[in-house]
Amino acid sequence: MGRPSMAAERTEQIMQATGRCLRKSGLAGTTLERVAEESGLSRSHVRHYVGNRDDLLRGFAGWLYTGYQAEFIDRIAAAPDREKLAIMMDYLFSSGFLPISDDDTVIRELITAGIADAGIRSTMQGHYTRAIQAVEDAIAAEHPDVASGARRTVAYGLWCLAMGNSMMAELQLPVASGGLVRTAAEALLEKVSHTSPPGTASSPAAAPMR
């Protein structure tokens, strides 16, 4: 009987080491040599399991966002409709984005990498598109009669509020760590409850059926 493949275990080991390197040394300092040293593997082993540096960073982006998908997107999808909105708001304006963690540093480095690398950019675009859709789905569960365009607008606004505030918090702007961003988000969300598609009973133009 042959030996079981070590690929999954070694790849996980390398991905975790890559995250530590990005936090310690930034994008420019995350080399195969440093990842090898951080992981306890040889450089040739790192290349064998993940490829060159570009392959490593692309693979790391996919690995990192797979975890976030389970934490946010999949959780909203699995929740009862009545709980989706609360889960979404708590994640964006509390547990998911605040307080600032080491992962925020890693994400900033990946965003920088994604500007120049189409593979990383595609991974991040895909993740953020799915995340914004999850926000919209949470809004739709609470406000099913609101037009999809209005829901999409608010969903994107909420996502940008969370991302932008996270960046301000990383810069240690005092107001970013308070509750002001959640107040702003709730004000934006409140607009959805006052929006109705044309032809519904709450619309001034709607006439009663005879």
N, C-alpha and C. Protein backbone atom coordinates (compact mmCIF):
# COMPACT_ATOMS: atom_id res chain seq x y z
N MET A 1 0.85 -1.20 0.00
CA MET A 1 0.00 0.00 0.00
C MET A 1 0.89 1.26 0.00
N GLY A 2 0.61 2.20 -0.92
CA GLY A 2 1.42 3.40 -1.04
C GLY A 2 1.21 4.37 0.10
N ARG A 3 2.16 5.27 0.26
CA ARG A 3 2.05 6.29 1.31
C ARG A 3 0.97 7.30 0.94
N PRO A 4 0.20 7.76 1.92
CA PRO A 4 -0.81 8.78 1.62
C PRO A 4 -0.15 10.08 1.17
N SER A 5 -0.81 10.81 0.29
CA SER A 5 -0.26 12.06 -0.22
C SER A 5 -0.16 13.09 0.91
N MET A 6 0.96 13.80 0.90
CA MET A 6 1.17 14.86 1.89
C MET A 6 0.79 16.22 1.33
N ALA A 7 0.27 16.24 0.11
CA ALA A 7 0.04 17.52 -0.58
C ALA A 7 -0.87 18.45 0.21
N ALA A 8 -2.01 17.92 0.69
CA ALA A 8 -2.96 18.78 1.40
C ALA A 8 -2.35 19.35 2.68
N GLU A 9 -1.66 18.50 3.43
CA GLU A 9 -1.04 18.94 4.68
C GLU A 9 0.05 19.97 4.43
N ARG A 10 0.89 19.69 3.45
CA ARG A 10 1.99 20.61 3.14
C ARG A 10 1.46 21.94 2.58
N THR A 11 0.45 21.87 1.74
CA THR A 11 -0.12 23.10 1.18
C THR A 11 -0.70 23.97 2.28
N GLU A 12 -1.42 23.37 3.22
CA GLU A 12 -1.97 24.11 4.36
C GLU A 12 -0.84 24.76 5.16
N GLN A 13 0.22 24.00 5.38
CA GLN A 13 1.39 24.50 6.11
C GLN A 13 1.99 25.71 5.38
N ILE A 14 2.08 25.63 4.07
CA ILE A 14 2.67 26.71 3.27
C ILE A 14 1.75 27.93 3.25
N MET A 15 0.44 27.71 3.16
CA MET A 15 -0.49 28.83 3.14
C MET A 15 -0.46 29.60 4.46
N GLN A 16 -0.41 28.88 5.56
CA GLN A 16 -0.33 29.55 6.86
C GLN A 16 0.97 30.34 6.99
N ALA A 17 2.06 29.76 6.50
CA ALA A 17 3.35 30.45 6.54
C ALA A 17 3.33 31.69 5.65
N THR A 18 2.64 31.62 4.52
CA THR A 18 2.54 32.77 3.62
C THR A 18 1.82 33.92 4.31
N GLY A 19 0.75 33.61 5.03
CA GLY A 19 0.03 34.63 5.77
C GLY A 19 0.92 35.30 6.81
N ARG A 20 1.72 34.52 7.50
CA ARG A 20 2.62 35.09 8.50
C ARG A 20 3.68 35.98 7.84
N CYS A 21 4.16 35.55 6.68
CA CYS A 21 5.16 36.36 5.96
C CYS A 21 4.56 37.68 5.49
N LEU A 22 3.35 37.65 4.98
CA LEU A 22 2.71 38.88 4.52
C LEU A 22 2.52 39.85 5.68
N ARG A 23 2.17 39.32 6.86
CA ARG A 23 2.00 40.19 8.03
C ARG A 23 3.33 40.78 8.49
N LYS A 24 4.38 39.97 8.46
CA LYS A 24 5.68 40.41 8.97
C LYS A 24 6.46 41.26 7.96
N SER A 25 6.44 40.83 6.71
CA SER A 25 7.36 41.40 5.72
C SER A 25 6.68 42.12 4.58
N GLY A 26 5.34 42.09 4.53
CA GLY A 26 4.64 42.74 3.44
C GLY A 26 4.75 41.95 2.15
N LEU A 27 4.14 42.49 1.11
CA LEU A 27 4.11 41.80 -0.18
C LEU A 27 5.51 41.64 -0.76
N ALA A 28 6.28 42.72 -0.77
CA ALA A 28 7.61 42.67 -1.38
C ALA A 28 8.53 41.67 -0.67
N GLY A 29 8.34 41.52 0.64
CA GLY A 29 9.21 40.64 1.40
C GLY A 29 8.75 39.19 1.47
N THR A 30 7.61 38.90 0.86
CA THR A 30 7.09 37.52 0.88
C THR A 30 7.66 36.77 -0.32
N THR A 31 8.80 36.16 -0.10
CA THR A 31 9.49 35.40 -1.14
C THR A 31 9.37 33.91 -0.84
N LEU A 32 9.71 33.09 -1.83
CA LEU A 32 9.69 31.64 -1.60
C LEU A 32 10.66 31.27 -0.49
N GLU A 33 11.80 31.95 -0.45
CA GLU A 33 12.80 31.65 0.58
C GLU A 33 12.24 31.92 1.98
N ARG A 34 11.58 33.05 2.15
CA ARG A 34 11.04 33.39 3.47
C ARG A 34 9.87 32.49 3.83
N VAL A 35 9.04 32.16 2.87
CA VAL A 35 7.93 31.24 3.15
C VAL A 35 8.47 29.87 3.53
N ALA A 36 9.52 29.44 2.85
CA ALA A 36 10.14 28.16 3.18
C ALA A 36 10.67 28.17 4.61
N GLU A 37 11.36 29.25 4.95
CA GLU A 37 11.90 29.38 6.31
C GLU A 37 10.78 29.40 7.35
N GLU A 38 9.71 30.13 7.06
CA GLU A 38 8.59 30.25 8.00
C GLU A 38 7.86 28.93 8.15
N SER A 39 7.78 28.16 7.08
CA SER A 39 7.03 26.90 7.11
C SER A 39 7.85 25.72 7.62
N GLY A 40 9.18 25.89 7.65
CA GLY A 40 10.03 24.78 8.06
C GLY A 40 10.31 23.80 6.95
N LEU A 41 9.96 24.16 5.72
CA LEU A 41 10.20 23.31 4.56
C LEU A 41 11.32 23.91 3.73
N SER A 42 11.85 23.12 2.82
CA SER A 42 12.86 23.64 1.91
C SER A 42 12.19 24.44 0.80
N ARG A 43 12.97 25.31 0.15
CA ARG A 43 12.44 26.09 -0.96
C ARG A 43 11.95 25.18 -2.08
N SER A 44 12.67 24.10 -2.32
CA SER A 44 12.28 23.17 -3.38
C SER A 44 10.95 22.49 -3.06
N HIS A 45 10.69 22.22 -1.77
CA HIS A 45 9.41 21.65 -1.38
C HIS A 45 8.28 22.66 -1.60
N VAL A 46 8.54 23.92 -1.25
CA VAL A 46 7.51 24.95 -1.47
C VAL A 46 7.17 25.04 -2.94
N ARG A 47 8.20 25.06 -3.79
CA ARG A 47 7.95 25.12 -5.24
C ARG A 47 7.21 23.88 -5.72
N HIS A 48 7.56 22.74 -5.17
CA HIS A 48 6.92 21.50 -5.59
C HIS A 48 5.41 21.52 -5.31
N TYR A 49 5.04 22.01 -4.15
CA TYR A 49 3.63 21.96 -3.75
C TYR A 49 2.80 23.13 -4.26
N VAL A 50 3.39 24.31 -4.42
CA VAL A 50 2.57 25.47 -4.81
C VAL A 50 3.06 26.20 -6.05
N GLY A 51 4.24 25.86 -6.57
CA GLY A 51 4.73 26.53 -7.77
C GLY A 51 5.61 27.72 -7.45
N ASN A 52 5.66 28.67 -8.39
CA ASN A 52 6.51 29.85 -8.19
C ASN A 52 5.81 30.88 -7.29
N ARG A 53 6.44 32.03 -7.12
CA ARG A 53 5.90 33.03 -6.19
C ARG A 53 4.52 33.52 -6.63
N ASP A 54 4.34 33.76 -7.92
CA ASP A 54 3.03 34.20 -8.40
C ASP A 54 1.97 33.15 -8.12
N ASP A 55 2.31 31.88 -8.37
CA ASP A 55 1.37 30.79 -8.08
C ASP A 55 1.04 30.74 -6.59
N LEU A 56 2.06 30.96 -5.78
CA LEU A 56 1.88 30.95 -4.32
C LEU A 56 0.88 32.01 -3.90
N LEU A 57 1.05 33.24 -4.37
CA LEU A 57 0.17 34.33 -3.96
C LEU A 57 -1.25 34.12 -4.48
N ARG A 58 -1.38 33.61 -5.70
CA ARG A 58 -2.72 33.33 -6.23
C ARG A 58 -3.40 32.24 -5.43
N GLY A 59 -2.63 31.19 -5.12
CA GLY A 59 -3.19 30.11 -4.31
C GLY A 59 -3.57 30.58 -2.92
N PHE A 60 -2.74 31.46 -2.35
CA PHE A 60 -3.03 31.98 -1.01
C PHE A 60 -4.32 32.79 -1.01
N ALA A 61 -4.53 33.61 -2.04
CA ALA A 61 -5.76 34.41 -2.12
C ALA A 61 -6.98 33.51 -2.11
N GLY A 62 -6.95 32.44 -2.90
CA GLY A 62 -8.07 31.50 -2.92
C GLY A 62 -8.26 30.81 -1.59
N TRP A 63 -7.16 30.41 -0.97
CA TRP A 63 -7.22 29.73 0.33
C TRP A 63 -7.81 30.64 1.40
N LEU A 64 -7.35 31.89 1.44
CA LEU A 64 -7.82 32.82 2.46
C LEU A 64 -9.31 33.09 2.32
N TYR A 65 -9.77 33.35 1.11
CA TYR A 65 -11.16 33.74 0.92
C TYR A 65 -12.12 32.56 1.02
N THR A 66 -11.61 31.34 0.88
CA THR A 66 -12.46 30.17 1.13
C THR A 66 -12.92 30.16 2.59
N GLY A 67 -12.03 30.54 3.49
CA GLY A 67 -12.39 30.63 4.91
C GLY A 67 -13.42 31.71 5.17
N TYR A 68 -13.26 32.86 4.52
CA TYR A 68 -14.22 33.95 4.70
C TYR A 68 -15.58 33.59 4.12
N GLN A 69 -15.58 32.80 3.05
CA GLN A 69 -16.86 32.40 2.45
C GLN A 69 -17.69 31.60 3.45
N ALA A 70 -17.04 30.66 4.14
CA ALA A 70 -17.75 29.85 5.13
C ALA A 70 -18.24 30.71 6.29
N GLU A 71 -17.44 31.70 6.66
CA GLU A 71 -17.73 32.53 7.83
C GLU A 71 -18.86 33.52 7.58
N PHE A 72 -19.00 34.00 6.36
CA PHE A 72 -19.98 35.05 6.07
C PHE A 72 -21.01 34.60 5.03
N ILE A 73 -20.58 34.32 3.82
CA ILE A 73 -21.50 34.02 2.72
C ILE A 73 -22.31 32.77 3.01
N ASP A 74 -21.63 31.68 3.35
CA ASP A 74 -22.34 30.42 3.60
C ASP A 74 -23.22 30.50 4.84
N ARG A 75 -22.80 31.27 5.82
CA ARG A 75 -23.60 31.40 7.04
C ARG A 75 -24.91 32.12 6.76
N ILE A 76 -24.85 33.18 5.96
CA ILE A 76 -26.08 33.88 5.60
C ILE A 76 -26.99 32.97 4.79
N ALA A 77 -26.42 32.23 3.85
CA ALA A 77 -27.22 31.34 3.00
C ALA A 77 -27.94 30.28 3.82
N ALA A 78 -27.29 29.79 4.88
CA ALA A 78 -27.87 28.71 5.68
C ALA A 78 -28.84 29.19 6.75
N ALA A 79 -28.82 30.48 7.05
CA ALA A 79 -29.64 31.00 8.15
C ALA A 79 -31.11 31.13 7.75
N PRO A 80 -32.03 31.01 8.71
CA PRO A 80 -33.44 31.30 8.43
C PRO A 80 -33.58 32.75 7.96
N ASP A 81 -34.59 33.01 7.15
CA ASP A 81 -34.77 34.35 6.59
C ASP A 81 -34.81 35.42 7.68
N ARG A 82 -35.45 35.12 8.80
CA ARG A 82 -35.63 36.13 9.84
C ARG A 82 -34.31 36.50 10.52
N GLU A 83 -33.26 35.69 10.32
CA GLU A 83 -31.98 35.95 10.98
C GLU A 83 -30.92 36.51 10.05
N LYS A 84 -31.17 36.47 8.75
CA LYS A 84 -30.13 36.84 7.78
C LYS A 84 -29.65 38.28 7.95
N LEU A 85 -30.58 39.21 8.10
CA LEU A 85 -30.21 40.63 8.17
C LEU A 85 -29.35 40.92 9.39
N ALA A 86 -29.73 40.37 10.54
CA ALA A 86 -28.95 40.59 11.77
C ALA A 86 -27.55 40.00 11.65
N ILE A 87 -27.44 38.82 11.06
CA ILE A 87 -26.13 38.19 10.87
C ILE A 87 -25.26 39.06 9.98
N MET A 88 -25.85 39.56 8.90
CA MET A 88 -25.10 40.40 7.97
C MET A 88 -24.61 41.68 8.63
N MET A 89 -25.50 42.36 9.34
CA MET A 89 -25.13 43.63 9.97
C MET A 89 -24.08 43.43 11.06
N ASP A 90 -24.23 42.38 11.85
CA ASP A 90 -23.26 42.12 12.91
C ASP A 90 -21.88 41.81 12.34
N TYR A 91 -21.86 41.08 11.23
CA TYR A 91 -20.57 40.74 10.62
C TYR A 91 -19.90 41.97 10.04
N LEU A 92 -20.63 42.75 9.27
CA LEU A 92 -20.04 43.91 8.59
C LEU A 92 -19.63 45.01 9.56
N PHE A 93 -20.39 45.18 10.63
CA PHE A 93 -20.16 46.34 11.49
C PHE A 93 -19.80 45.96 12.92
N SER A 94 -19.36 44.71 13.08
CA SER A 94 -18.89 44.27 14.39
C SER A 94 -17.88 43.14 14.23
N SER A 95 -18.32 41.91 14.34
CA SER A 95 -17.42 40.78 14.47
C SER A 95 -16.52 40.52 13.27
N GLY A 96 -17.01 40.78 12.06
CA GLY A 96 -16.23 40.44 10.88
C GLY A 96 -15.16 41.44 10.52
N PHE A 97 -15.42 42.71 10.77
CA PHE A 97 -14.50 43.77 10.34
C PHE A 97 -13.83 44.50 11.50
N LEU A 98 -14.40 44.39 12.68
CA LEU A 98 -13.84 45.07 13.85
C LEU A 98 -13.78 44.09 15.02
N PRO A 99 -12.79 44.20 15.90
CA PRO A 99 -11.64 45.11 15.78
C PRO A 99 -10.68 44.65 14.69
N ILE A 100 -9.76 45.53 14.31
CA ILE A 100 -8.78 45.22 13.29
C ILE A 100 -7.90 44.05 13.75
N SER A 101 -7.64 43.12 12.83
CA SER A 101 -6.82 41.95 13.16
C SER A 101 -5.67 41.84 12.17
N ASP A 102 -4.83 40.83 12.38
CA ASP A 102 -3.71 40.60 11.47
C ASP A 102 -4.19 40.30 10.06
N ASP A 103 -5.37 39.71 9.93
CA ASP A 103 -5.90 39.39 8.60
C ASP A 103 -6.11 40.65 7.77
N ASP A 104 -6.42 41.77 8.42
CA ASP A 104 -6.62 43.01 7.67
C ASP A 104 -5.34 43.44 6.97
N THR A 105 -4.22 43.26 7.64
CA THR A 105 -2.93 43.57 7.02
C THR A 105 -2.70 42.70 5.80
N VAL A 106 -3.02 41.42 5.92
CA VAL A 106 -2.85 40.49 4.81
C VAL A 106 -3.73 40.89 3.63
N ILE A 107 -4.97 41.24 3.92
CA ILE A 107 -5.90 41.62 2.85
C ILE A 107 -5.41 42.87 2.12
N ARG A 108 -4.89 43.84 2.86
CA ARG A 108 -4.36 45.05 2.21
C ARG A 108 -3.23 44.67 1.25
N GLU A 109 -2.38 43.74 1.67
CA GLU A 109 -1.28 43.33 0.80
C GLU A 109 -1.81 42.61 -0.44
N LEU A 110 -2.85 41.81 -0.27
CA LEU A 110 -3.44 41.12 -1.42
C LEU A 110 -4.09 42.10 -2.39
N ILE A 111 -4.73 43.13 -1.85
CA ILE A 111 -5.33 44.15 -2.72
C ILE A 111 -4.24 44.81 -3.56
N THR A 112 -3.12 45.11 -2.93
CA THR A 112 -1.98 45.68 -3.67
C THR A 112 -1.51 44.72 -4.75
N ALA A 113 -1.40 43.45 -4.40
CA ALA A 113 -0.97 42.45 -5.38
C ALA A 113 -1.98 42.32 -6.52
N GLY A 114 -3.27 42.40 -6.17
CA GLY A 114 -4.31 42.23 -7.16
C GLY A 114 -4.38 43.34 -8.19
N ILE A 115 -3.84 44.50 -7.86
CA ILE A 115 -3.82 45.61 -8.82
C ILE A 115 -2.98 45.23 -10.03
N ALA A 116 -1.89 44.49 -9.79
CA ALA A 116 -0.97 44.13 -10.87
C ALA A 116 -1.16 42.71 -11.39
N ASP A 117 -1.72 41.83 -10.59
CA ASP A 117 -1.84 40.42 -10.96
C ASP A 117 -3.28 40.06 -11.28
N ALA A 118 -3.53 39.67 -12.52
CA ALA A 118 -4.91 39.39 -12.96
C ALA A 118 -5.51 38.20 -12.23
N GLY A 119 -4.68 37.21 -11.89
CA GLY A 119 -5.20 36.03 -11.20
C GLY A 119 -5.69 36.35 -9.81
N ILE A 120 -4.89 37.10 -9.05
CA ILE A 120 -5.30 37.51 -7.71
C ILE A 120 -6.50 38.44 -7.79
N ARG A 121 -6.47 39.35 -8.74
CA ARG A 121 -7.58 40.29 -8.92
C ARG A 121 -8.88 39.55 -9.21
N SER A 122 -8.82 38.54 -10.06
CA SER A 122 -10.01 37.76 -10.39
C SER A 122 -10.57 37.04 -9.16
N THR A 123 -9.68 36.47 -8.35
CA THR A 123 -10.11 35.79 -7.12
C THR A 123 -10.81 36.76 -6.18
N MET A 124 -10.22 37.94 -6.01
CA MET A 124 -10.79 38.92 -5.09
C MET A 124 -12.09 39.51 -5.64
N GLN A 125 -12.14 39.75 -6.93
CA GLN A 125 -13.39 40.24 -7.53
C GLN A 125 -14.51 39.23 -7.33
N GLY A 126 -14.19 37.96 -7.54
CA GLY A 126 -15.20 36.92 -7.35
C GLY A 126 -15.71 36.86 -5.93
N HIS A 127 -14.78 36.94 -4.97
CA HIS A 127 -15.19 36.90 -3.56
C HIS A 127 -16.06 38.09 -3.20
N TYR A 128 -15.63 39.28 -3.58
CA TYR A 128 -16.38 40.47 -3.19
C TYR A 128 -17.73 40.53 -3.90
N THR A 129 -17.80 40.04 -5.12
CA THR A 129 -19.09 39.98 -5.81
C THR A 129 -20.05 39.06 -5.07
N ARG A 130 -19.55 37.90 -4.63
CA ARG A 130 -20.40 36.97 -3.87
C ARG A 130 -20.78 37.54 -2.51
N ALA A 131 -19.86 38.27 -1.89
CA ALA A 131 -20.16 38.86 -0.59
C ALA A 131 -21.24 39.93 -0.71
N ILE A 132 -21.15 40.77 -1.73
CA ILE A 132 -22.18 41.80 -1.94
C ILE A 132 -23.52 41.15 -2.24
N GLN A 133 -23.50 40.04 -2.99
CA GLN A 133 -24.74 39.32 -3.25
C GLN A 133 -25.33 38.77 -1.96
N ALA A 134 -24.47 38.30 -1.05
CA ALA A 134 -24.96 37.80 0.24
C ALA A 134 -25.61 38.91 1.05
N VAL A 135 -25.03 40.12 0.99
CA VAL A 135 -25.64 41.27 1.66
C VAL A 135 -27.00 41.56 1.05
N GLU A 136 -27.07 41.54 -0.27
CA GLU A 136 -28.35 41.78 -0.94
C GLU A 136 -29.37 40.70 -0.59
N ASP A 137 -28.94 39.45 -0.51
CA ASP A 137 -29.85 38.36 -0.14
C ASP A 137 -30.41 38.56 1.26
N ALA A 138 -29.57 39.04 2.17
CA ALA A 138 -30.03 39.30 3.54
C ALA A 138 -31.07 40.41 3.55
N ILE A 139 -30.86 41.44 2.75
CA ILE A 139 -31.84 42.53 2.65
C ILE A 139 -33.13 42.01 2.03
N ALA A 140 -33.01 41.18 1.01
CA ALA A 140 -34.19 40.63 0.33
C ALA A 140 -35.03 39.76 1.25
N ALA A 141 -34.37 39.05 2.16
CA ALA A 141 -35.11 38.20 3.09
C ALA A 141 -35.99 39.03 4.01
N GLU A 142 -35.51 40.23 4.35
CA GLU A 142 -36.27 41.12 5.24
C GLU A 142 -37.25 42.00 4.47
N HIS A 143 -36.88 42.34 3.23
CA HIS A 143 -37.70 43.26 2.42
C HIS A 143 -37.92 42.65 1.03
N PRO A 144 -38.70 41.58 0.94
CA PRO A 144 -38.85 40.89 -0.35
C PRO A 144 -39.57 41.70 -1.42
N ASP A 145 -40.32 42.71 -1.03
CA ASP A 145 -41.09 43.49 -2.01
C ASP A 145 -40.30 44.65 -2.61
N VAL A 146 -39.12 44.91 -2.09
CA VAL A 146 -38.32 46.02 -2.60
C VAL A 146 -37.67 45.61 -3.92
N ALA A 147 -37.63 46.52 -4.87
CA ALA A 147 -37.05 46.24 -6.18
C ALA A 147 -35.58 45.82 -6.05
N SER A 148 -35.17 44.89 -6.90
CA SER A 148 -33.81 44.36 -6.80
C SER A 148 -32.76 45.45 -6.99
N GLY A 149 -33.03 46.43 -7.84
CA GLY A 149 -32.07 47.51 -8.04
C GLY A 149 -31.84 48.32 -6.79
N ALA A 150 -32.90 48.58 -6.04
CA ALA A 150 -32.78 49.33 -4.78
C ALA A 150 -32.02 48.50 -3.75
N ARG A 151 -32.31 47.21 -3.69
CA ARG A 151 -31.59 46.34 -2.75
C ARG A 151 -30.10 46.30 -3.09
N ARG A 152 -29.81 46.21 -4.38
CA ARG A 152 -28.42 46.13 -4.82
C ARG A 152 -27.66 47.40 -4.46
N THR A 153 -28.30 48.53 -4.64
CA THR A 153 -27.67 49.81 -4.32
C THR A 153 -27.31 49.88 -2.85
N VAL A 154 -28.24 49.50 -1.99
CA VAL A 154 -27.99 49.55 -0.54
C VAL A 154 -26.96 48.50 -0.14
N ALA A 155 -27.03 47.32 -0.74
CA ALA A 155 -26.06 46.27 -0.43
C ALA A 155 -24.63 46.72 -0.73
N TYR A 156 -24.46 47.34 -1.88
CA TYR A 156 -23.12 47.83 -2.24
C TYR A 156 -22.68 48.95 -1.29
N GLY A 157 -23.62 49.82 -0.94
CA GLY A 157 -23.30 50.89 0.00
C GLY A 157 -22.88 50.36 1.36
N LEU A 158 -23.56 49.34 1.86
CA LEU A 158 -23.21 48.74 3.14
C LEU A 158 -21.82 48.11 3.09
N TRP A 159 -21.56 47.39 2.00
CA TRP A 159 -20.25 46.74 1.86
C TRP A 159 -19.13 47.78 1.84
N CYS A 160 -19.33 48.85 1.09
CA CYS A 160 -18.31 49.90 1.01
C CYS A 160 -18.12 50.62 2.35
N LEU A 161 -19.21 50.80 3.09
CA LEU A 161 -19.09 51.39 4.43
C LEU A 161 -18.21 50.52 5.32
N ALA A 162 -18.45 49.22 5.29
CA ALA A 162 -17.68 48.30 6.13
C ALA A 162 -16.21 48.28 5.73
N MET A 163 -15.95 48.19 4.43
CA MET A 163 -14.57 48.15 3.95
C MET A 163 -13.84 49.46 4.24
N GLY A 164 -14.50 50.57 3.94
CA GLY A 164 -13.86 51.86 4.16
C GLY A 164 -13.60 52.14 5.63
N ASN A 165 -14.56 51.79 6.48
CA ASN A 165 -14.36 52.00 7.92
C ASN A 165 -13.25 51.12 8.46
N SER A 166 -13.13 49.91 7.91
CA SER A 166 -12.05 49.03 8.32
C SER A 166 -10.69 49.67 8.03
N MET A 167 -10.58 50.30 6.87
CA MET A 167 -9.33 50.97 6.52
C MET A 167 -9.05 52.14 7.46
N MET A 168 -10.09 52.90 7.79
CA MET A 168 -9.91 54.02 8.72
C MET A 168 -9.52 53.52 10.11
N ALA A 169 -10.10 52.39 10.52
CA ALA A 169 -9.75 51.81 11.82
C ALA A 169 -8.30 51.34 11.83
N GLU A 170 -7.84 50.83 10.69
CA GLU A 170 -6.45 50.40 10.60
C GLU A 170 -5.49 51.58 10.73
N LEU A 171 -5.95 52.75 10.29
CA LEU A 171 -5.17 53.98 10.45
C LEU A 171 -5.35 54.60 11.84
N GLN A 172 -6.12 53.90 12.70
CA GLN A 172 -6.36 54.32 14.08
C GLN A 172 -7.12 55.64 14.17
N LEU A 173 -7.98 55.89 13.21
CA LEU A 173 -8.88 57.04 13.31
C LEU A 173 -9.88 56.75 14.43
N PRO A 174 -9.92 57.55 15.49
CA PRO A 174 -10.74 57.21 16.66
C PRO A 174 -12.21 56.95 16.34
N VAL A 175 -12.79 57.75 15.46
CA VAL A 175 -14.22 57.61 15.19
C VAL A 175 -14.55 56.28 14.53
N ALA A 176 -13.56 55.65 13.88
CA ALA A 176 -13.81 54.40 13.16
C ALA A 176 -14.10 53.23 14.10
N SER A 177 -13.62 53.32 15.33
CA SER A 177 -13.81 52.22 16.27
C SER A 177 -15.06 52.36 17.12
N GLY A 178 -15.78 53.46 16.96
CA GLY A 178 -17.02 53.65 17.69
C GLY A 178 -18.20 53.07 16.92
N GLY A 179 -19.39 53.47 17.30
CA GLY A 179 -20.58 52.93 16.67
C GLY A 179 -21.13 53.76 15.54
N LEU A 180 -20.38 54.80 15.13
CA LEU A 180 -20.91 55.72 14.12
C LEU A 180 -21.14 55.03 12.78
N VAL A 181 -20.25 54.12 12.39
CA VAL A 181 -20.43 53.47 11.09
C VAL A 181 -21.68 52.60 11.08
N ARG A 182 -22.00 51.97 12.22
CA ARG A 182 -23.22 51.17 12.28
C ARG A 182 -24.45 52.08 12.20
N THR A 183 -24.39 53.22 12.85
CA THR A 183 -25.50 54.17 12.76
C THR A 183 -25.71 54.61 11.32
N ALA A 184 -24.62 54.87 10.61
CA ALA A 184 -24.71 55.25 9.20
C ALA A 184 -25.29 54.11 8.37
N ALA A 185 -24.87 52.88 8.68
CA ALA A 185 -25.37 51.72 7.95
C ALA A 185 -26.86 51.51 8.19
N GLU A 186 -27.29 51.68 9.42
CA GLU A 186 -28.71 51.52 9.74
C GLU A 186 -29.56 52.60 9.07
N ALA A 187 -29.00 53.81 8.95
CA ALA A 187 -29.71 54.88 8.25
C ALA A 187 -29.87 54.54 6.77
N LEU A 188 -28.83 53.97 6.18
CA LEU A 188 -28.91 53.55 4.78
C LEU A 188 -29.90 52.41 4.61
N LEU A 189 -29.87 51.47 5.54
CA LEU A 189 -30.79 50.34 5.48
C LEU A 189 -32.23 50.78 5.67
N GLU A 190 -32.43 51.81 6.47
CA GLU A 190 -33.77 52.32 6.72
C GLU A 190 -34.43 52.80 5.43
N LYS A 191 -33.64 53.28 4.50
CA LYS A 191 -34.19 53.75 3.23
C LYS A 191 -34.87 52.62 2.46
N VAL A 192 -34.37 51.40 2.64
CA VAL A 192 -34.96 50.26 1.94
C VAL A 192 -36.39 50.04 2.37
N SER A 193 -36.66 50.20 3.67
CA SER A 193 -38.01 49.94 4.19
C SER A 193 -39.02 50.94 3.67
N HIS A 194 -38.54 52.07 3.14
CA HIS A 194 -39.44 53.08 2.60
C HIS A 194 -39.50 53.04 1.08
N THR A 195 -38.89 52.02 0.51
CA THR A 195 -38.85 51.88 -0.95
C THR A 195 -39.76 50.75 -1.38
N SER A 196 -40.62 51.00 -2.34
CA SER A 196 -41.50 49.97 -2.86
C SER A 196 -41.46 49.99 -4.38
N PRO A 197 -41.55 48.84 -5.00
CA PRO A 197 -41.57 48.81 -6.46
C PRO A 197 -42.85 49.42 -7.00
N PRO A 198 -42.82 49.98 -8.22
CA PRO A 198 -44.03 50.55 -8.80
C PRO A 198 -45.16 49.54 -8.84
N GLY A 199 -46.36 50.02 -8.52
CA GLY A 199 -47.53 49.15 -8.63
C GLY A 199 -47.92 48.45 -7.36
N THR A 200 -47.12 48.63 -6.26
CA THR A 200 -47.51 48.00 -5.01
C THR A 200 -48.45 48.92 -4.26
N ALA A 201 -49.08 48.38 -3.24
CA ALA A 201 -50.09 49.14 -2.51
C ALA A 201 -49.51 50.36 -1.82
N SER A 202 -48.20 50.27 -1.43
CA SER A 202 -47.61 51.39 -0.72
C SER A 202 -47.17 52.51 -1.65
N SER A 203 -47.21 52.27 -2.95
CA SER A 203 -46.82 53.29 -3.90
C SER A 203 -47.95 54.28 -4.11
N PRO A 204 -47.67 55.60 -4.13
CA PRO A 204 -48.73 56.58 -4.33
C PRO A 204 -49.45 56.40 -5.65
N ALA A 205 -48.77 55.81 -6.65
CA ALA A 205 -49.39 55.67 -7.96
C ALA A 205 -50.27 54.44 -8.06
N ALA A 206 -50.23 53.58 -7.05
CA ALA A 206 -50.99 52.33 -7.13
C ALA A 206 -52.46 52.58 -6.86
N ALA A 207 -53.32 52.03 -7.68
CA ALA A 207 -54.76 52.17 -7.52
C ALA A 207 -55.33 50.88 -6.96
N PRO A 208 -56.37 50.92 -6.13
CA PRO A 208 -56.96 49.70 -5.59
C PRO A 208 -57.59 48.87 -6.70
N MET A 209 -57.50 47.57 -6.57
CA MET A 209 -58.09 46.66 -7.54
C MET A 209 -59.60 46.61 -7.35
N ARG A 210 -60.35 46.60 -8.45
CA ARG A 210 -61.82 46.51 -8.40
C ARG A 210 -62.30 45.19 -9.00
